Amino acid sequence: MSGSREVIIYSRKGCHLCEIVKESLVKLHKRGGFTWHEVDVDSNAEIRRLYNDEVPVVFIDGRKAFKYHMDEKEFLRKLAA
């Protein structure tokens, strides 16, 4: 993987699926190749309007890559693309 990619996860407190995706990101982050941060959809009305029913939503370099679930192998494939 060349360079560092930016990953954003839109999530909310109390979301079980969000916790699973975040655990995967923490694990995969150890391999390097990307930075990531989390955005709480409930922190902003516009973000909540966009992603309220889709959390967790994962973006790689500004492009939606996953919603609800994230496959780790597919994530690594998309990260390398």
Protein backbone atom coordinates (compact mmCIF):
# COMPACT_ATOMS: atom_id res chain seq x y z
CA MET A 1 0.00 0.00 0.00
CA SER A 2 1.55 3.25 -1.04
CA GLY A 3 0.92 6.45 0.86
CA SER A 4 -1.51 7.01 3.68
CA ARG A 5 -5.22 6.85 2.97
CA GLU A 6 -7.84 8.67 5.03
CA VAL A 7 -10.67 6.61 6.51
CA ILE A 8 -13.71 8.13 8.20
CA ILE A 9 -16.37 6.17 10.06
CA TYR A 10 -19.71 7.83 10.70
CA SER A 11 -21.21 6.22 13.79
CA ARG A 12 -23.23 6.90 16.94
CA LYS A 13 -23.10 6.01 20.60
CA GLY A 14 -24.86 2.79 21.50
CA CYS A 15 -24.53 1.32 17.99
CA HIS A 16 -23.40 -2.31 18.20
CA LEU A 17 -22.50 -2.52 14.50
CA CYS A 18 -20.44 0.66 14.85
CA GLU A 19 -18.42 -0.91 17.66
CA ILE A 20 -17.67 -3.99 15.54
CA VAL A 21 -16.45 -1.86 12.61
CA LYS A 22 -14.33 0.32 14.92
CA GLU A 23 -12.70 -2.80 16.42
CA SER A 24 -11.80 -3.92 12.89
CA LEU A 25 -10.34 -0.49 12.08
CA VAL A 26 -8.22 -0.53 15.24
CA LYS A 27 -6.89 -3.98 14.33
CA LEU A 28 -6.27 -3.15 10.67
CA HIS A 29 -4.68 0.22 11.52
CA LYS A 30 -1.74 -1.68 13.04
CA ARG A 31 -0.82 -2.79 9.50
CA GLY A 32 -0.46 0.87 8.50
CA GLY A 33 -1.36 2.53 5.24
CA PHE A 34 -4.23 4.63 6.59
CA THR A 35 -5.31 7.06 9.25
CA TRP A 36 -8.84 7.04 10.55
CA HIS A 37 -11.19 9.04 12.67
CA GLU A 38 -14.74 8.77 13.85
CA VAL A 39 -17.58 11.25 13.38
CA ASP A 40 -20.68 10.98 15.58
CA VAL A 41 -23.69 11.43 13.28
CA ASP A 42 -25.64 12.91 16.17
CA SER A 43 -23.13 15.74 16.61
CA ASN A 44 -24.35 17.66 13.55
CA ALA A 45 -27.84 17.99 12.05
CA GLU A 46 -26.62 17.82 8.44
CA ILE A 47 -24.49 14.73 9.08
CA ARG A 48 -27.41 13.11 10.93
CA ARG A 49 -29.70 13.88 7.97
CA LEU A 50 -27.24 12.26 5.55
CA TYR A 51 -26.31 9.12 7.49
CA ASN A 52 -28.91 8.63 10.24
CA ASP A 53 -30.21 5.31 8.88
CA GLU A 54 -26.91 4.04 7.46
CA VAL A 55 -24.52 3.87 10.44
CA PRO A 56 -21.90 2.73 10.53
CA VAL A 57 -20.74 4.26 7.24
CA VAL A 58 -17.07 3.99 6.23
CA PHE A 59 -15.45 6.30 3.71
CA ILE A 60 -12.00 5.78 2.18
CA ASP A 61 -10.51 9.00 0.80
CA GLY A 62 -13.94 10.61 0.58
CA ARG A 63 -15.67 7.71 -1.19
CA LYS A 64 -18.32 5.62 0.54
CA ALA A 65 -16.88 2.12 0.89
CA PHE A 66 -19.17 0.34 3.39
CA LYS A 67 -22.37 0.78 5.35
CA TYR A 68 -23.75 -1.36 8.19
CA HIS A 69 -20.94 -3.95 7.94
CA MET A 70 -17.31 -3.95 6.83
CA ASP A 71 -15.47 -6.99 5.51
CA GLU A 72 -11.80 -6.75 6.53
CA LYS A 73 -10.45 -8.41 3.38
CA GLU A 74 -12.58 -6.18 1.18
CA PHE A 75 -11.45 -3.15 3.19
CA LEU A 76 -7.80 -4.02 2.56
CA ARG A 77 -8.54 -4.57 -1.13
CA LYS A 78 -10.23 -1.18 -1.43
CA LEU A 79 -7.45 0.45 0.56
CA ALA A 80 -4.85 -0.93 -1.87
CA ALA A 81 -6.81 0.12 -4.98
